[in-house]
């Protein structure tokens, strides 16, 4: 069995992290399917208080935020590790404005992907 990739907890303590069992319920899928979503790069997991979880901001209306898997893939392909991707997604950027994850949750996903792609060069 392949281990579930998990980043160290690099997020602010006020960022809500949902345990994988709750993620499975939210998405209406099995926990093993959530594990596969993490392995495939559709989601990123982190370890908080010895438990694997996913930031709640990665979901909108019980679905994965549109554009998040593609953004994760772009950043991974550029050589970024899970903890670096999490930091970038949750770091405020005055030019967006807000954080990249906020922009993905809104109507600025194309700009986030453009920036993620540019980071690889």
N, C-alpha and C. Protein backbone atom coordinates (compact mmCIF):
# COMPACT_ATOMS: atom_id res chain seq x y z
N UNK A 1 0.84 -1.18 0.00
CA UNK A 1 0.00 0.00 0.00
C UNK A 1 0.88 1.24 0.00
N UNK A 2 0.52 2.22 -0.79
CA UNK A 2 1.27 3.46 -0.92
C UNK A 2 0.84 4.42 0.18
N UNK A 3 1.80 5.04 0.83
CA UNK A 3 1.50 6.00 1.90
C UNK A 3 0.79 7.22 1.34
N UNK A 4 0.00 7.83 2.17
CA UNK A 4 -0.70 9.05 1.79
C UNK A 4 0.25 10.22 2.02
N UNK A 5 0.55 10.98 0.96
CA UNK A 5 1.46 12.11 1.15
C UNK A 5 0.82 13.18 2.04
N UNK A 6 1.57 13.62 3.01
CA UNK A 6 1.06 14.64 3.92
C UNK A 6 2.16 15.65 4.23
N UNK A 7 1.80 16.91 4.14
CA UNK A 7 2.73 17.99 4.45
C UNK A 7 2.73 18.24 5.95
N UNK A 8 3.81 18.81 6.46
CA UNK A 8 3.76 19.27 7.84
C UNK A 8 2.77 20.43 7.93
N UNK A 9 2.30 20.70 9.12
CA UNK A 9 1.33 21.78 9.30
C UNK A 9 2.04 23.13 9.23
N UNK A 10 1.97 23.75 8.06
CA UNK A 10 2.61 25.04 7.83
C UNK A 10 1.59 26.18 7.81
N UNK A 11 0.34 25.86 8.07
CA UNK A 11 -0.73 26.86 8.01
C UNK A 11 -0.95 27.52 9.36
N UNK A 12 -1.53 28.70 9.33
CA UNK A 12 -1.86 29.41 10.56
C UNK A 12 -2.85 28.58 11.38
N UNK A 13 -2.79 28.68 12.69
CA UNK A 13 -3.69 27.88 13.53
C UNK A 13 -5.17 28.16 13.28
N UNK A 14 -5.50 29.34 12.75
CA UNK A 14 -6.91 29.66 12.52
C UNK A 14 -7.45 29.09 11.21
N UNK A 15 -6.60 28.47 10.39
CA UNK A 15 -7.05 27.82 9.15
C UNK A 15 -7.69 26.50 9.55
N UNK A 16 -8.97 26.35 9.23
CA UNK A 16 -9.70 25.14 9.59
C UNK A 16 -9.23 23.96 8.74
N UNK A 17 -8.94 22.86 9.41
CA UNK A 17 -8.52 21.62 8.75
C UNK A 17 -9.55 20.54 9.08
N UNK A 18 -10.04 19.87 8.04
CA UNK A 18 -11.09 18.87 8.18
C UNK A 18 -10.46 17.48 8.15
N UNK A 19 -10.77 16.61 9.13
CA UNK A 19 -10.24 15.25 9.11
C UNK A 19 -10.71 14.50 7.86
N UNK A 20 -9.92 13.52 7.42
CA UNK A 20 -10.23 12.80 6.18
C UNK A 20 -11.59 12.11 6.22
N UNK A 21 -12.01 11.64 7.38
CA UNK A 21 -13.33 11.00 7.46
C UNK A 21 -14.44 12.01 7.16
N UNK A 22 -14.27 13.24 7.63
CA UNK A 22 -15.25 14.30 7.36
C UNK A 22 -15.20 14.73 5.89
N UNK A 23 -14.00 14.71 5.31
CA UNK A 23 -13.86 15.02 3.88
C UNK A 23 -14.64 13.99 3.06
N UNK A 24 -14.50 12.73 3.43
CA UNK A 24 -15.21 11.66 2.72
C UNK A 24 -16.73 11.88 2.81
N UNK A 25 -17.22 12.21 3.97
CA UNK A 25 -18.65 12.49 4.13
C UNK A 25 -19.08 13.68 3.29
N UNK A 26 -18.29 14.74 3.33
CA UNK A 26 -18.60 15.96 2.59
C UNK A 26 -18.71 15.69 1.09
N UNK A 27 -17.78 14.88 0.58
CA UNK A 27 -17.74 14.60 -0.86
C UNK A 27 -18.64 13.42 -1.25
N UNK A 28 -19.16 12.71 -0.25
CA UNK A 28 -19.99 11.54 -0.54
C UNK A 28 -19.18 10.40 -1.14
N UNK A 29 -17.95 10.25 -0.66
CA UNK A 29 -17.05 9.21 -1.17
C UNK A 29 -16.46 8.45 0.01
N UNK A 30 -15.83 7.35 -0.27
CA UNK A 30 -15.18 6.57 0.78
C UNK A 30 -13.87 7.25 1.19
N UNK A 31 -13.40 6.90 2.37
CA UNK A 31 -12.13 7.44 2.85
C UNK A 31 -11.00 6.98 1.93
N UNK A 32 -11.08 5.76 1.42
CA UNK A 32 -10.02 5.29 0.52
C UNK A 32 -10.02 6.09 -0.78
N UNK A 33 -11.17 6.54 -1.22
CA UNK A 33 -11.24 7.39 -2.41
C UNK A 33 -10.61 8.76 -2.12
N UNK A 34 -10.81 9.28 -0.92
CA UNK A 34 -10.18 10.53 -0.51
C UNK A 34 -8.66 10.35 -0.49
N UNK A 35 -8.20 9.21 0.01
CA UNK A 35 -6.76 8.92 -0.02
C UNK A 35 -6.24 8.99 -1.45
N UNK A 36 -7.00 8.43 -2.38
CA UNK A 36 -6.59 8.42 -3.78
C UNK A 36 -6.58 9.84 -4.36
N UNK A 37 -7.56 10.66 -3.97
CA UNK A 37 -7.59 12.06 -4.43
C UNK A 37 -6.33 12.80 -3.97
N UNK A 38 -5.87 12.48 -2.77
CA UNK A 38 -4.65 13.11 -2.25
C UNK A 38 -3.44 12.59 -3.01
N UNK A 39 -3.36 11.27 -3.21
CA UNK A 39 -2.23 10.70 -3.96
C UNK A 39 -2.17 11.24 -5.38
N UNK A 40 -3.35 11.45 -5.99
CA UNK A 40 -3.42 11.93 -7.37
C UNK A 40 -3.21 13.43 -7.50
N UNK A 41 -3.11 14.13 -6.38
CA UNK A 41 -2.85 15.57 -6.41
C UNK A 41 -4.08 16.44 -6.58
N UNK A 42 -5.26 15.88 -6.38
CA UNK A 42 -6.48 16.69 -6.45
C UNK A 42 -6.68 17.47 -5.15
N UNK A 43 -6.10 16.95 -4.07
CA UNK A 43 -6.15 17.58 -2.76
C UNK A 43 -4.77 17.48 -2.12
N UNK A 44 -4.53 18.32 -1.13
CA UNK A 44 -3.32 18.23 -0.32
C UNK A 44 -3.72 17.96 1.12
N UNK A 45 -3.01 17.06 1.76
CA UNK A 45 -3.26 16.75 3.16
C UNK A 45 -2.11 17.27 4.01
N UNK A 46 -2.43 17.53 5.26
CA UNK A 46 -1.41 17.91 6.22
C UNK A 46 -1.71 17.21 7.53
N UNK A 47 -0.70 17.14 8.36
CA UNK A 47 -0.87 16.49 9.65
C UNK A 47 -1.00 17.57 10.72
N UNK A 48 -2.17 17.59 11.37
CA UNK A 48 -2.40 18.54 12.46
C UNK A 48 -2.87 17.75 13.67
N UNK A 49 -2.19 17.95 14.78
CA UNK A 49 -2.52 17.21 16.01
C UNK A 49 -2.53 15.71 15.77
N UNK A 50 -1.54 15.23 15.04
CA UNK A 50 -1.33 13.80 14.75
C UNK A 50 -2.42 13.19 13.87
N UNK A 51 -3.27 14.02 13.26
CA UNK A 51 -4.34 13.51 12.41
C UNK A 51 -4.22 14.14 11.02
N UNK A 52 -4.44 13.31 10.00
CA UNK A 52 -4.43 13.83 8.64
C UNK A 52 -5.70 14.60 8.36
N UNK A 53 -5.55 15.73 7.68
CA UNK A 53 -6.70 16.54 7.33
C UNK A 53 -6.44 17.35 6.08
N UNK A 54 -7.49 18.00 5.63
CA UNK A 54 -7.45 18.83 4.43
C UNK A 54 -8.04 20.19 4.80
N UNK A 55 -7.44 21.29 4.36
CA UNK A 55 -8.02 22.61 4.67
C UNK A 55 -9.46 22.71 4.16
N UNK A 56 -10.34 23.21 4.99
CA UNK A 56 -11.75 23.33 4.61
C UNK A 56 -11.94 24.30 3.44
N UNK A 57 -10.99 25.21 3.25
CA UNK A 57 -11.09 26.17 2.13
C UNK A 57 -10.97 25.49 0.78
N UNK A 58 -10.55 24.22 0.76
CA UNK A 58 -10.44 23.48 -0.49
C UNK A 58 -11.79 23.01 -1.02
N UNK A 59 -12.87 23.30 -0.26
CA UNK A 59 -14.20 22.84 -0.65
C UNK A 59 -15.16 24.02 -0.78
N UNK A 60 -16.05 23.88 -1.72
CA UNK A 60 -17.11 24.86 -1.95
C UNK A 60 -18.36 24.08 -2.32
N UNK A 61 -19.41 24.23 -1.52
CA UNK A 61 -20.65 23.50 -1.76
C UNK A 61 -20.42 22.00 -1.89
N UNK A 62 -19.68 21.43 -0.97
CA UNK A 62 -19.42 19.98 -0.92
C UNK A 62 -18.73 19.44 -2.16
N UNK A 63 -17.98 20.27 -2.84
CA UNK A 63 -17.16 19.88 -3.99
C UNK A 63 -15.77 20.46 -3.82
N UNK A 64 -14.80 19.86 -4.48
CA UNK A 64 -13.45 20.43 -4.49
C UNK A 64 -13.49 21.71 -5.31
N UNK A 65 -12.85 22.75 -4.81
CA UNK A 65 -12.83 24.05 -5.48
C UNK A 65 -12.33 23.87 -6.91
N UNK A 66 -13.09 24.42 -7.83
CA UNK A 66 -12.72 24.34 -9.24
C UNK A 66 -11.34 24.99 -9.45
N UNK A 67 -10.50 24.31 -10.17
CA UNK A 67 -9.17 24.84 -10.47
C UNK A 67 -8.10 24.44 -9.47
N UNK A 68 -8.49 23.94 -8.30
CA UNK A 68 -7.49 23.56 -7.30
C UNK A 68 -6.61 22.41 -7.78
N UNK A 69 -7.17 21.30 -8.27
CA UNK A 69 -6.29 20.21 -8.73
C UNK A 69 -5.31 20.65 -9.81
N UNK A 70 -5.75 21.45 -10.75
CA UNK A 70 -4.86 21.93 -11.81
C UNK A 70 -3.76 22.82 -11.27
N UNK A 71 -4.09 23.65 -10.30
CA UNK A 71 -3.09 24.53 -9.68
C UNK A 71 -2.06 23.70 -8.93
N UNK A 72 -2.52 22.70 -8.19
CA UNK A 72 -1.60 21.82 -7.46
C UNK A 72 -0.65 21.14 -8.45
N UNK A 73 -1.20 20.64 -9.55
CA UNK A 73 -0.38 19.97 -10.57
C UNK A 73 0.66 20.91 -11.15
N UNK A 74 0.25 22.14 -11.49
CA UNK A 74 1.20 23.11 -12.04
C UNK A 74 2.36 23.36 -11.08
N UNK A 75 2.04 23.52 -9.81
CA UNK A 75 3.08 23.80 -8.83
C UNK A 75 3.97 22.59 -8.56
N UNK A 76 3.37 21.40 -8.53
CA UNK A 76 4.18 20.17 -8.36
C UNK A 76 5.12 19.99 -9.54
N UNK A 77 4.59 20.20 -10.74
CA UNK A 77 5.42 20.07 -11.94
C UNK A 77 6.57 21.08 -11.94
N UNK A 78 6.38 22.20 -11.26
CA UNK A 78 7.42 23.22 -11.16
C UNK A 78 8.42 22.90 -10.05
N UNK A 79 8.21 21.78 -9.34
CA UNK A 79 9.16 21.36 -8.32
C UNK A 79 8.82 21.75 -6.90
N UNK A 80 7.63 22.28 -6.69
CA UNK A 80 7.22 22.68 -5.34
C UNK A 80 6.73 21.46 -4.56
N UNK A 81 7.04 21.43 -3.27
CA UNK A 81 6.60 20.37 -2.38
C UNK A 81 5.26 20.75 -1.76
N UNK A 82 4.59 19.78 -1.17
CA UNK A 82 3.25 20.01 -0.61
C UNK A 82 3.22 21.18 0.37
N UNK A 83 4.22 21.25 1.27
CA UNK A 83 4.21 22.33 2.25
C UNK A 83 4.38 23.69 1.59
N UNK A 84 5.18 23.76 0.53
CA UNK A 84 5.37 25.03 -0.19
C UNK A 84 4.09 25.42 -0.93
N UNK A 85 3.40 24.45 -1.47
CA UNK A 85 2.14 24.73 -2.18
C UNK A 85 1.10 25.24 -1.18
N UNK A 86 1.01 24.59 -0.04
CA UNK A 86 0.06 25.05 0.99
C UNK A 86 0.37 26.47 1.43
N UNK A 87 1.65 26.75 1.69
CA UNK A 87 2.03 28.12 2.09
C UNK A 87 1.60 29.13 1.02
N UNK A 88 1.88 28.82 -0.23
CA UNK A 88 1.56 29.75 -1.32
C UNK A 88 0.04 29.95 -1.43
N UNK A 89 -0.71 28.87 -1.34
CA UNK A 89 -2.17 28.99 -1.47
C UNK A 89 -2.79 29.84 -0.36
N UNK A 90 -2.17 29.85 0.81
CA UNK A 90 -2.75 30.55 1.96
C UNK A 90 -2.01 31.83 2.35
N UNK A 91 -1.09 32.30 1.49
CA UNK A 91 -0.37 33.54 1.77
C UNK A 91 -1.05 34.69 1.03
N UNK A 92 -1.36 35.74 1.78
CA UNK A 92 -2.03 36.91 1.19
C UNK A 92 -1.14 37.55 0.13
N UNK A 93 -1.80 37.99 -0.94
CA UNK A 93 -1.13 38.66 -2.05
C UNK A 93 -1.95 39.90 -2.39
N UNK A 94 -1.39 41.06 -2.11
CA UNK A 94 -2.13 42.31 -2.33
C UNK A 94 -2.53 42.53 -3.78
N UNK A 95 -1.82 41.90 -4.70
CA UNK A 95 -2.14 42.10 -6.12
C UNK A 95 -3.32 41.24 -6.58
N UNK A 96 -3.75 40.27 -5.75
CA UNK A 96 -4.90 39.44 -6.17
C UNK A 96 -6.25 40.13 -5.94
N UNK A 97 -6.62 40.71 -4.94
CA UNK A 97 -6.17 40.72 -3.54
C UNK A 97 -6.67 39.47 -2.81
N UNK A 98 -6.08 39.23 -1.64
CA UNK A 98 -6.41 38.05 -0.86
C UNK A 98 -5.39 36.96 -1.09
N UNK A 99 -5.78 35.73 -0.77
CA UNK A 99 -4.90 34.59 -0.95
C UNK A 99 -5.25 33.88 -2.26
N UNK A 100 -4.32 33.11 -2.80
CA UNK A 100 -4.65 32.34 -4.00
C UNK A 100 -5.85 31.40 -3.81
N UNK A 101 -5.99 30.79 -2.63
CA UNK A 101 -7.14 29.90 -2.44
C UNK A 101 -8.43 30.70 -2.43
N UNK A 102 -8.42 31.91 -1.89
CA UNK A 102 -9.61 32.77 -1.94
C UNK A 102 -9.95 33.12 -3.39
N UNK A 103 -8.92 33.38 -4.18
CA UNK A 103 -9.14 33.72 -5.59
C UNK A 103 -9.72 32.53 -6.35
N UNK A 104 -9.22 31.32 -6.05
CA UNK A 104 -9.78 30.12 -6.69
C UNK A 104 -11.25 29.93 -6.30
N UNK A 105 -11.56 30.22 -5.05
CA UNK A 105 -12.94 30.07 -4.57
C UNK A 105 -13.86 31.13 -5.18
N UNK A 106 -13.27 32.22 -5.63
CA UNK A 106 -14.04 33.28 -6.28
C UNK A 106 -14.01 33.10 -7.78
N UNK A 107 -13.90 34.19 -8.49
CA UNK A 107 -13.94 34.13 -9.95
C UNK A 107 -12.58 34.48 -10.58
N UNK A 108 -11.50 34.27 -9.81
CA UNK A 108 -10.18 34.64 -10.31
C UNK A 108 -9.25 33.44 -10.48
N UNK A 109 -9.82 32.27 -10.75
CA UNK A 109 -9.04 31.05 -10.89
C UNK A 109 -8.03 31.11 -12.02
N UNK A 110 -8.41 31.73 -13.11
CA UNK A 110 -7.50 31.82 -14.26
C UNK A 110 -6.23 32.59 -13.89
N UNK A 111 -6.37 33.65 -13.11
CA UNK A 111 -5.21 34.43 -12.69
C UNK A 111 -4.31 33.61 -11.77
N UNK A 112 -4.91 32.83 -10.88
CA UNK A 112 -4.13 31.99 -9.97
C UNK A 112 -3.33 30.97 -10.78
N UNK A 113 -3.97 30.32 -11.73
CA UNK A 113 -3.27 29.33 -12.56
C UNK A 113 -2.15 29.99 -13.38
N UNK A 114 -2.40 31.18 -13.88
CA UNK A 114 -1.37 31.89 -14.64
C UNK A 114 -0.16 32.15 -13.76
N UNK A 115 -0.40 32.57 -12.52
CA UNK A 115 0.71 32.84 -11.59
C UNK A 115 1.44 31.55 -11.20
N UNK A 116 0.69 30.49 -10.99
CA UNK A 116 1.30 29.21 -10.64
C UNK A 116 2.18 28.72 -11.79
N UNK A 117 1.70 28.88 -13.00
CA UNK A 117 2.47 28.47 -14.17
C UNK A 117 3.75 29.30 -14.29
N UNK A 118 3.65 30.59 -14.06
CA UNK A 118 4.81 31.48 -14.15
C UNK A 118 5.85 31.17 -13.08
N UNK A 119 5.43 30.63 -11.94
CA UNK A 119 6.37 30.31 -10.86
C UNK A 119 7.32 29.19 -11.27
N UNK A 120 6.94 28.41 -12.27
CA UNK A 120 7.78 27.32 -12.71
C UNK A 120 8.91 27.74 -13.63
N UNK A 121 8.92 28.98 -14.03
CA UNK A 121 9.93 29.44 -14.99
C UNK A 121 10.88 30.42 -14.37
